[in-house]
């Protein structure tokens, strides 16, 4: 698929903003999916093509968090297992499911996260000094991660909020380490989803790679901000993004 200079600029700019949002919170795909659909893509093709940018953005974010020693490497395996299982099932479902299912799932995730942030914000922002749990110590976390993987494999947009609920809410990681583990999980199940979409010939590589350039730059900017920002600042950023994500889901 060929794109114009104006479309390329749109994808780069949208990707940059989405890369920041995805790395620090979630919901960046609420911007990138409509941007891809402006190019004339059907929802299922846009959903598949968007995964190219998400994969490359999460690679950059993962390396960045690891560089600053904010990635709990020893916890990656137990956290990844349920998200990969869910991601595989979700991606297969998305590849064959009617596109009309995307919006209800997206809207439900956004509204739920907004309510949680309003009613009990401590669930996604543990107090300073809280010692995280392991997945084996919190069985509920396994199911939350499975659901997050399924949702991420199915629609991607807003999956960061569900992962934050699982990692900060049930396992009690601080928001920086939550985001670090979140991008690793997102990378894992998005690779699975992308492989399925490629096999199904649903990925348009040129717009996907242009979008990815912006998203990778956004991830680099977000990492530097996350390392320097106060926990309260990250919490408020997350709250604002849940509100914006809910609004975008209504319009998407």
C-alpha atoms as a PDB file:
ATOM      1  CA  UNK A   1       0.000   0.000   0.000  1.00  0.00           C
ATOM      2  CA  UNK A   2       1.447   3.377  -1.059  1.00  0.00           C
ATOM      3  CA  UNK A   3       0.998   6.394   1.211  1.00  0.00           C
ATOM      4  CA  UNK A   4       1.301  10.127   0.542  1.00  0.00           C
ATOM      5  CA  UNK A   5       3.707  12.498   2.296  1.00  0.00           C
ATOM      6  CA  UNK A   6       0.773  13.912   4.277  1.00  0.00           C
ATOM      7  CA  UNK A   7      -0.261  10.437   5.392  1.00  0.00           C
ATOM      8  CA  UNK A   8       3.321   9.603   6.359  1.00  0.00           C
ATOM      9  CA  UNK A   9       3.520  12.769   8.483  1.00  0.00           C
ATOM     10  CA  UNK A  10       0.197  11.886  10.122  1.00  0.00           C
ATOM     11  CA  UNK A  11       1.429   8.403  10.987  1.00  0.00           C
ATOM     12  CA  UNK A  12       4.767   9.644  12.330  1.00  0.00           C
ATOM     13  CA  UNK A  13       3.187  12.317  14.514  1.00  0.00           C
ATOM     14  CA  UNK A  14       0.440  10.015  15.764  1.00  0.00           C
ATOM     15  CA  UNK A  15       2.962   7.260  16.395  1.00  0.00           C
ATOM     16  CA  UNK A  16       5.188   9.544  18.465  1.00  0.00           C
ATOM     17  CA  UNK A  17       2.322  10.559  20.772  1.00  0.00           C
ATOM     18  CA  UNK A  18       1.051   6.970  20.954  1.00  0.00           C
ATOM     19  CA  UNK A  19       4.531   5.680  21.814  1.00  0.00           C
ATOM     20  CA  UNK A  20       4.684   7.992  24.828  1.00  0.00           C
ATOM     21  CA  UNK A  21       1.170   7.080  25.952  1.00  0.00           C
ATOM     22  CA  UNK A  22       1.653   3.331  25.513  1.00  0.00           C
ATOM     23  CA  UNK A  23       4.922   3.300  27.444  1.00  0.00           C
ATOM     24  CA  UNK A  24       3.695   5.357  30.404  1.00  0.00           C
ATOM     25  CA  UNK A  25       0.080   4.184  30.573  1.00  0.00           C
ATOM     26  CA  UNK A  26      -1.905   2.637  27.727  1.00  0.00           C
ATOM     27  CA  UNK A  27      -4.438   3.475  25.061  1.00  0.00           C
ATOM     28  CA  UNK A  28      -2.094   4.781  22.368  1.00  0.00           C
ATOM     29  CA  UNK A  29      -3.792   2.535  19.848  1.00  0.00           C
ATOM     30  CA  UNK A  30      -6.900   4.670  20.298  1.00  0.00           C
ATOM     31  CA  UNK A  31      -4.933   7.172  18.212  1.00  0.00           C
ATOM     32  CA  UNK A  32      -3.086   4.885  15.828  1.00  0.00           C
ATOM     33  CA  UNK A  33      -6.042   2.738  14.782  1.00  0.00           C
ATOM     34  CA  UNK A  34      -8.115   5.705  13.558  1.00  0.00           C
ATOM     35  CA  UNK A  35      -4.992   7.140  11.870  1.00  0.00           C
ATOM     36  CA  UNK A  36      -4.541   3.904   9.926  1.00  0.00           C
ATOM     37  CA  UNK A  37      -8.235   3.796   9.059  1.00  0.00           C
ATOM     38  CA  UNK A  38      -8.000   7.330   7.630  1.00  0.00           C
ATOM     39  CA  UNK A  39      -5.779   5.748   4.980  1.00  0.00           C
ATOM     40  CA  UNK A  40      -8.759   3.611   3.968  1.00  0.00           C
ATOM     41  CA  UNK A  41      -7.950   0.429   5.870  1.00  0.00           C
ATOM     42  CA  UNK A  42     -10.795  -1.738   7.168  1.00  0.00           C
ATOM     43  CA  UNK A  43     -10.794  -2.136  10.969  1.00  0.00           C
ATOM     44  CA  UNK A  44      -9.333  -5.657  10.869  1.00  0.00           C
ATOM     45  CA  UNK A  45      -6.435  -4.626   8.596  1.00  0.00           C
ATOM     46  CA  UNK A  46      -5.734  -1.541  10.710  1.00  0.00           C
ATOM     47  CA  UNK A  47      -5.803  -3.710  13.844  1.00  0.00           C
ATOM     48  CA  UNK A  48      -3.240  -6.073  12.304  1.00  0.00           C
ATOM     49  CA  UNK A  49      -1.008  -3.363  10.803  1.00  0.00           C
ATOM     50  CA  UNK A  50      -0.915  -1.485  14.100  1.00  0.00           C
ATOM     51  CA  UNK A  51       0.928  -4.423  15.679  1.00  0.00           C
ATOM     52  CA  UNK A  52       4.078  -3.637  13.663  1.00  0.00           C
ATOM     53  CA  UNK A  53       4.503  -0.343  15.503  1.00  0.00           C
ATOM     54  CA  UNK A  54       3.578  -1.858  18.860  1.00  0.00           C
ATOM     55  CA  UNK A  55       6.218  -4.582  18.536  1.00  0.00           C
ATOM     56  CA  UNK A  56       9.037  -2.197  17.650  1.00  0.00           C
ATOM     57  CA  UNK A  57       7.948   0.363  20.236  1.00  0.00           C
ATOM     58  CA  UNK A  58       7.933  -2.247  23.014  1.00  0.00           C
ATOM     59  CA  UNK A  59      11.386  -3.485  21.996  1.00  0.00           C
ATOM     60  CA  UNK A  60      12.719   0.055  22.465  1.00  0.00           C
ATOM     61  CA  UNK A  61      10.843   0.485  25.764  1.00  0.00           C
ATOM     62  CA  UNK A  62      12.002  -2.878  27.135  1.00  0.00           C
ATOM     63  CA  UNK A  63      15.636  -2.102  26.367  1.00  0.00           C
ATOM     64  CA  UNK A  64      15.249   1.349  27.910  1.00  0.00           C
ATOM     65  CA  UNK A  65      13.782   0.120  31.193  1.00  0.00           C
ATOM     66  CA  UNK A  66      16.447  -2.592  31.391  1.00  0.00           C
ATOM     67  CA  UNK A  67      19.193  -0.027  30.792  1.00  0.00           C
ATOM     68  CA  UNK A  68      18.029   1.970  33.818  1.00  0.00           C
ATOM     69  CA  UNK A  69      17.660  -1.195  35.950  1.00  0.00           C
ATOM     70  CA  UNK A  70      13.886  -0.823  36.290  1.00  0.00           C
ATOM     71  CA  UNK A  71      12.933  -4.162  34.742  1.00  0.00           C
ATOM     72  CA  UNK A  72      12.412  -7.014  37.293  1.00  0.00           C
ATOM     73  CA  UNK A  73      14.115  -9.621  35.103  1.00  0.00           C
ATOM     74  CA  UNK A  74      13.558 -12.527  37.502  1.00  0.00           C
ATOM     75  CA  UNK A  75       9.793 -12.011  37.412  1.00  0.00           C
ATOM     76  CA  UNK A  76       9.422 -11.984  33.626  1.00  0.00           C
ATOM     77  CA  UNK A  77       8.883 -15.730  33.145  1.00  0.00           C
ATOM     78  CA  UNK A  78       5.942 -16.232  35.543  1.00  0.00           C
ATOM     79  CA  UNK A  79       4.297 -13.039  34.295  1.00  0.00           C
ATOM     80  CA  UNK A  80       4.720 -13.924  30.624  1.00  0.00           C
ATOM     81  CA  UNK A  81       3.208 -17.415  30.700  1.00  0.00           C
ATOM     82  CA  UNK A  82      -0.469 -16.446  31.159  1.00  0.00           C
ATOM     83  CA  UNK A  83      -0.184 -13.387  28.918  1.00  0.00           C
ATOM     84  CA  UNK A  84       1.236 -15.479  26.072  1.00  0.00           C
ATOM     85  CA  UNK A  85      -1.516 -18.083  26.401  1.00  0.00           C
ATOM     86  CA  UNK A  86      -4.161 -15.373  26.400  1.00  0.00           C
ATOM     87  CA  UNK A  87      -2.496 -13.505  23.546  1.00  0.00           C
ATOM     88  CA  UNK A  88      -2.459 -16.570  21.312  1.00  0.00           C
ATOM     89  CA  UNK A  89      -6.152 -17.269  21.866  1.00  0.00           C
ATOM     90  CA  UNK A  90      -7.061 -13.599  21.490  1.00  0.00           C
ATOM     91  CA  UNK A  91      -5.139 -13.161  18.245  1.00  0.00           C
ATOM     92  CA  UNK A  92      -6.745 -16.212  16.667  1.00  0.00           C
ATOM     93  CA  UNK A  93     -10.147 -14.935  17.759  1.00  0.00           C
ATOM     94  CA  UNK A  94      -9.446 -11.455  16.344  1.00  0.00           C
ATOM     95  CA  UNK A  95      -8.310 -12.853  13.015  1.00  0.00           C
ATOM     96  CA  UNK A  96     -11.674 -14.515  12.457  1.00  0.00           C
ATOM     97  CA  UNK A  97     -14.104 -12.470  14.575  1.00  0.00           C
ATOM     98  CA  UNK A  98     -16.511  -9.820  13.228  1.00  0.00           C
ATOM     99  CA  UNK A  99     -14.996  -6.336  13.465  1.00  0.00           C
ATOM    100  CA  UNK A 100     -18.086  -5.150  15.356  1.00  0.00           C
ATOM    101  CA  UNK A 101     -16.745  -6.800  18.506  1.00  0.00           C
ATOM    102  CA  UNK A 102     -13.739  -4.477  18.738  1.00  0.00           C
ATOM    103  CA  UNK A 103     -15.501  -1.326  19.931  1.00  0.00           C
ATOM    104  CA  UNK A 104     -17.536  -2.908  22.785  1.00  0.00           C
ATOM    105  CA  UNK A 105     -14.416  -4.601  24.168  1.00  0.00           C
ATOM    106  CA  UNK A 106     -12.371  -1.418  23.899  1.00  0.00           C
ATOM    107  CA  UNK A 107     -15.051   0.754  25.482  1.00  0.00           C
ATOM    108  CA  UNK A 108     -15.616  -1.713  28.314  1.00  0.00           C
ATOM    109  CA  UNK A 109     -11.919  -1.814  29.188  1.00  0.00           C
ATOM    110  CA  UNK A 110     -11.568   1.972  29.167  1.00  0.00           C
ATOM    111  CA  UNK A 111     -14.653   2.678  31.254  1.00  0.00           C
ATOM    112  CA  UNK A 112     -13.751  -0.011  33.817  1.00  0.00           C
ATOM    113  CA  UNK A 113     -10.250   1.380  34.270  1.00  0.00           C
ATOM    114  CA  UNK A 114     -11.579   4.936  34.616  1.00  0.00           C
ATOM    115  CA  UNK A 115     -13.982   3.857  37.364  1.00  0.00           C
ATOM    116  CA  UNK A 116     -11.172   2.037  39.193  1.00  0.00           C
ATOM    117  CA  UNK A 117      -8.949   5.113  39.052  1.00  0.00           C
ATOM    118  CA  UNK A 118     -11.744   7.308  40.398  1.00  0.00           C
ATOM    119  CA  UNK A 119     -13.045   4.993  43.122  1.00  0.00           C
ATOM    120  CA  UNK A 120      -9.842   3.354  44.370  1.00  0.00           C
ATOM    121  CA  UNK A 121      -6.684   4.795  42.762  1.00  0.00           C
ATOM    122  CA  UNK A 122      -4.450   2.955  45.269  1.00  0.00           C
ATOM    123  CA  UNK A 123      -5.188  -0.264  43.365  1.00  0.00           C
ATOM    124  CA  UNK A 124      -2.986   0.886  40.504  1.00  0.00           C
ATOM    125  CA  UNK A 125      -0.566   3.017  42.499  1.00  0.00           C
ATOM    126  CA  UNK A 126       0.801   1.130  45.543  1.00  0.00           C
ATOM    127  CA  UNK A 127       2.327   3.193  48.376  1.00  0.00           C
ATOM    128  CA  UNK A 128       6.074   3.774  48.249  1.00  0.00           C
ATOM    129  CA  UNK A 129       8.072   0.906  49.712  1.00  0.00           C
ATOM    130  CA  UNK A 130       5.468  -1.770  48.968  1.00  0.00           C
ATOM    131  CA  UNK A 131       7.118  -5.156  48.388  1.00  0.00           C
ATOM    132  CA  UNK A 132       5.724  -6.826  45.239  1.00  0.00           C
ATOM    133  CA  UNK A 133       4.195 -10.290  45.331  1.00  0.00           C
ATOM    134  CA  UNK A 134       5.146 -13.158  43.036  1.00  0.00           C
ATOM    135  CA  UNK A 135       2.567 -14.594  40.650  1.00  0.00           C
ATOM    136  CA  UNK A 136       2.564 -17.892  42.570  1.00  0.00           C
ATOM    137  CA  UNK A 137       1.570 -16.007  45.723  1.00  0.00           C
ATOM    138  CA  UNK A 138      -1.374 -14.271  44.059  1.00  0.00           C
ATOM    139  CA  UNK A 139      -3.376 -16.736  41.897  1.00  0.00           C
ATOM    140  CA  UNK A 140      -5.771 -13.953  40.919  1.00  0.00           C
ATOM    141  CA  UNK A 141      -2.879 -12.242  39.124  1.00  0.00           C
ATOM    142  CA  UNK A 142      -2.512 -15.257  36.815  1.00  0.00           C
ATOM    143  CA  UNK A 143      -6.111 -14.877  35.649  1.00  0.00           C
ATOM    144  CA  UNK A 144      -5.807 -11.125  35.265  1.00  0.00           C
ATOM    145  CA  UNK A 145      -2.730 -11.608  33.095  1.00  0.00           C
ATOM    146  CA  UNK A 146      -4.532 -14.265  31.048  1.00  0.00           C
ATOM    147  CA  UNK A 147      -7.403 -11.837  30.415  1.00  0.00           C
ATOM    148  CA  UNK A 148      -4.957  -9.065  29.560  1.00  0.00           C
ATOM    149  CA  UNK A 149      -3.181 -11.339  27.092  1.00  0.00           C
ATOM    150  CA  UNK A 150      -6.457 -12.322  25.429  1.00  0.00           C
ATOM    151  CA  UNK A 151      -7.604  -8.720  25.183  1.00  0.00           C
ATOM    152  CA  UNK A 152      -4.209  -7.606  23.879  1.00  0.00           C
ATOM    153  CA  UNK A 153      -4.134 -10.347  21.282  1.00  0.00           C
ATOM    154  CA  UNK A 154      -7.669  -9.484  20.227  1.00  0.00           C
ATOM    155  CA  UNK A 155      -7.738  -5.686  20.020  1.00  0.00           C
ATOM    156  CA  UNK A 156      -4.518  -4.216  21.567  1.00  0.00           C
ATOM    157  CA  UNK A 157      -5.976  -0.729  22.231  1.00  0.00           C
ATOM    158  CA  UNK A 158      -6.132  -0.139  25.976  1.00  0.00           C
ATOM    159  CA  UNK A 159      -4.425  -3.373  26.973  1.00  0.00           C
ATOM    160  CA  UNK A 160      -1.876  -1.391  28.973  1.00  0.00           C
ATOM    161  CA  UNK A 161      -4.562  -0.430  31.470  1.00  0.00           C
ATOM    162  CA  UNK A 162      -5.520  -4.067  32.050  1.00  0.00           C
ATOM    163  CA  UNK A 163      -1.878  -5.047  32.495  1.00  0.00           C
ATOM    164  CA  UNK A 164      -1.388  -2.198  34.956  1.00  0.00           C
ATOM    165  CA  UNK A 165      -4.397  -3.450  36.922  1.00  0.00           C
ATOM    166  CA  UNK A 166      -2.819  -6.907  37.079  1.00  0.00           C
ATOM    167  CA  UNK A 167       0.765  -5.875  37.808  1.00  0.00           C
ATOM    168  CA  UNK A 168       0.186  -2.927  40.144  1.00  0.00           C
ATOM    169  CA  UNK A 169      -3.218  -3.947  41.451  1.00  0.00           C
ATOM    170  CA  UNK A 170      -2.657  -7.607  42.293  1.00  0.00           C
ATOM    171  CA  UNK A 171       1.139  -7.923  42.374  1.00  0.00           C
ATOM    172  CA  UNK A 172       1.742  -4.406  43.806  1.00  0.00           C
ATOM    173  CA  UNK A 173       4.647  -3.257  41.656  1.00  0.00           C
ATOM    174  CA  UNK A 174       5.326   0.485  41.610  1.00  0.00           C
ATOM    175  CA  UNK A 175       4.281   2.248  38.413  1.00  0.00           C
ATOM    176  CA  UNK A 176       7.772   2.378  36.874  1.00  0.00           C
ATOM    177  CA  UNK A 177       8.367  -1.372  37.249  1.00  0.00           C
ATOM    178  CA  UNK A 178       4.750  -2.027  36.339  1.00  0.00           C
ATOM    179  CA  UNK A 179       5.299  -0.211  33.065  1.00  0.00           C
ATOM    180  CA  UNK A 180       8.546  -2.105  32.504  1.00  0.00           C
ATOM    181  CA  UNK A 181       6.860  -5.496  32.907  1.00  0.00           C
ATOM    182  CA  UNK A 182       3.848  -4.232  30.966  1.00  0.00           C
ATOM    183  CA  UNK A 183       5.904  -3.508  27.846  1.00  0.00           C
ATOM    184  CA  UNK A 184       7.577  -6.931  28.052  1.00  0.00           C
ATOM    185  CA  UNK A 185       4.164  -8.618  28.218  1.00  0.00           C
ATOM    186  CA  UNK A 186       2.888  -6.460  25.386  1.00  0.00           C
ATOM    187  CA  UNK A 187       5.905  -7.340  23.266  1.00  0.00           C
ATOM    188  CA  UNK A 188       5.385 -11.054  23.857  1.00  0.00           C
ATOM    189  CA  UNK A 189       1.715 -11.369  23.002  1.00  0.00           C
ATOM    190  CA  UNK A 190       1.933  -8.807  20.193  1.00  0.00           C
ATOM    191  CA  UNK A 191       4.643 -10.876  18.505  1.00  0.00           C
ATOM    192  CA  UNK A 192       2.277 -13.858  18.673  1.00  0.00           C
ATOM    193  CA  UNK A 193      -0.595 -11.781  17.310  1.00  0.00           C
ATOM    194  CA  UNK A 194       1.537 -10.247  14.549  1.00  0.00           C
ATOM    195  CA  UNK A 195       2.691 -13.679  13.394  1.00  0.00           C
ATOM    196  CA  UNK A 196      -0.917 -14.829  13.061  1.00  0.00           C
ATOM    197  CA  UNK A 197      -1.918 -11.666  11.195  1.00  0.00           C
ATOM    198  CA  UNK A 198       1.057 -12.061   8.833  1.00  0.00           C
ATOM    199  CA  UNK A 199       0.056 -15.642   8.068  1.00  0.00           C
ATOM    200  CA  UNK A 200      -3.469 -14.388   7.408  1.00  0.00           C
ATOM    201  CA  UNK A 201      -2.028 -11.678   5.071  1.00  0.00           C
ATOM    202  CA  UNK A 202      -3.653  -8.863   7.057  1.00  0.00           C
ATOM    203  CA  UNK A 203      -0.578  -6.640   7.595  1.00  0.00           C
ATOM    204  CA  UNK A 204       0.267  -3.651   5.366  1.00  0.00           C
ATOM    205  CA  UNK A 205       3.984  -3.174   5.934  1.00  0.00           C
ATOM    206  CA  UNK A 206       4.717   0.306   4.543  1.00  0.00           C
ATOM    207  CA  UNK A 207       2.258   2.257   6.725  1.00  0.00           C
ATOM    208  CA  UNK A 208       3.009  -0.101   9.604  1.00  0.00           C
ATOM    209  CA  UNK A 209       6.732   0.656   9.510  1.00  0.00           C
ATOM    210  CA  UNK A 210       6.208   4.408   9.090  1.00  0.00           C
ATOM    211  CA  UNK A 211       3.945   4.375  12.137  1.00  0.00           C
ATOM    212  CA  UNK A 212       6.551   2.304  13.999  1.00  0.00           C
ATOM    213  CA  UNK A 213       9.239   4.964  13.507  1.00  0.00           C
ATOM    214  CA  UNK A 214       7.132   7.500  15.389  1.00  0.00           C
ATOM    215  CA  UNK A 215       6.191   5.000  18.089  1.00  0.00           C
ATOM    216  CA  UNK A 216       9.818   4.042  18.742  1.00  0.00           C
ATOM    217  CA  UNK A 217      10.798   7.692  19.171  1.00  0.00           C
ATOM    218  CA  UNK A 218       7.859   8.186  21.524  1.00  0.00           C
ATOM    219  CA  UNK A 219       8.981   5.223  23.618  1.00  0.00           C
ATOM    220  CA  UNK A 220      12.476   6.686  23.988  1.00  0.00           C
ATOM    221  CA  UNK A 221      11.052   9.991  25.192  1.00  0.00           C
ATOM    222  CA  UNK A 222       8.710   8.233  27.621  1.00  0.00           C
ATOM    223  CA  UNK A 223      11.495   6.157  29.207  1.00  0.00           C
ATOM    224  CA  UNK A 224      13.503   9.254  30.124  1.00  0.00           C
ATOM    225  CA  UNK A 225      10.393  10.878  31.581  1.00  0.00           C
ATOM    226  CA  UNK A 226       9.400   7.776  33.575  1.00  0.00           C
ATOM    227  CA  UNK A 227      12.830   7.453  35.187  1.00  0.00           C
ATOM    228  CA  UNK A 228      12.891  11.092  36.331  1.00  0.00           C
ATOM    229  CA  UNK A 229       9.204  11.663  37.176  1.00  0.00           C
ATOM    230  CA  UNK A 230       7.767  11.507  40.683  1.00  0.00           C
ATOM    231  CA  UNK A 231       5.335   8.634  41.417  1.00  0.00           C
ATOM    232  CA  UNK A 232       2.489  11.130  41.876  1.00  0.00           C
ATOM    233  CA  UNK A 233       3.178  12.572  38.425  1.00  0.00           C
ATOM    234  CA  UNK A 234       2.998   9.125  36.835  1.00  0.00           C
ATOM    235  CA  UNK A 235      -0.232   8.407  38.704  1.00  0.00           C
ATOM    236  CA  UNK A 236      -1.859  11.581  37.427  1.00  0.00           C
ATOM    237  CA  UNK A 237      -0.646  10.895  33.907  1.00  0.00           C
ATOM    238  CA  UNK A 238      -2.219   7.449  34.104  1.00  0.00           C
ATOM    239  CA  UNK A 239      -5.488   8.922  35.379  1.00  0.00           C
ATOM    240  CA  UNK A 240      -5.656  11.505  32.580  1.00  0.00           C
ATOM    241  CA  UNK A 241      -4.941   8.797  30.023  1.00  0.00           C
ATOM    242  CA  UNK A 242      -7.798   6.653  31.324  1.00  0.00           C
ATOM    243  CA  UNK A 243     -10.162   9.594  30.842  1.00  0.00           C
ATOM    244  CA  UNK A 244      -8.809  10.293  27.361  1.00  0.00           C
ATOM    245  CA  UNK A 245      -8.933   6.587  26.517  1.00  0.00           C
ATOM    246  CA  UNK A 246     -12.581   6.376  27.504  1.00  0.00           C
ATOM    247  CA  UNK A 247     -13.416   9.411  25.378  1.00  0.00           C
ATOM    248  CA  UNK A 248     -11.505   8.001  22.421  1.00  0.00           C
ATOM    249  CA  UNK A 249     -13.224   4.637  22.775  1.00  0.00           C
ATOM    250  CA  UNK A 250     -16.598   6.364  22.512  1.00  0.00           C
ATOM    251  CA  UNK A 251     -15.538   8.054  19.266  1.00  0.00           C
ATOM    252  CA  UNK A 252     -13.550   5.147  17.775  1.00  0.00           C
END
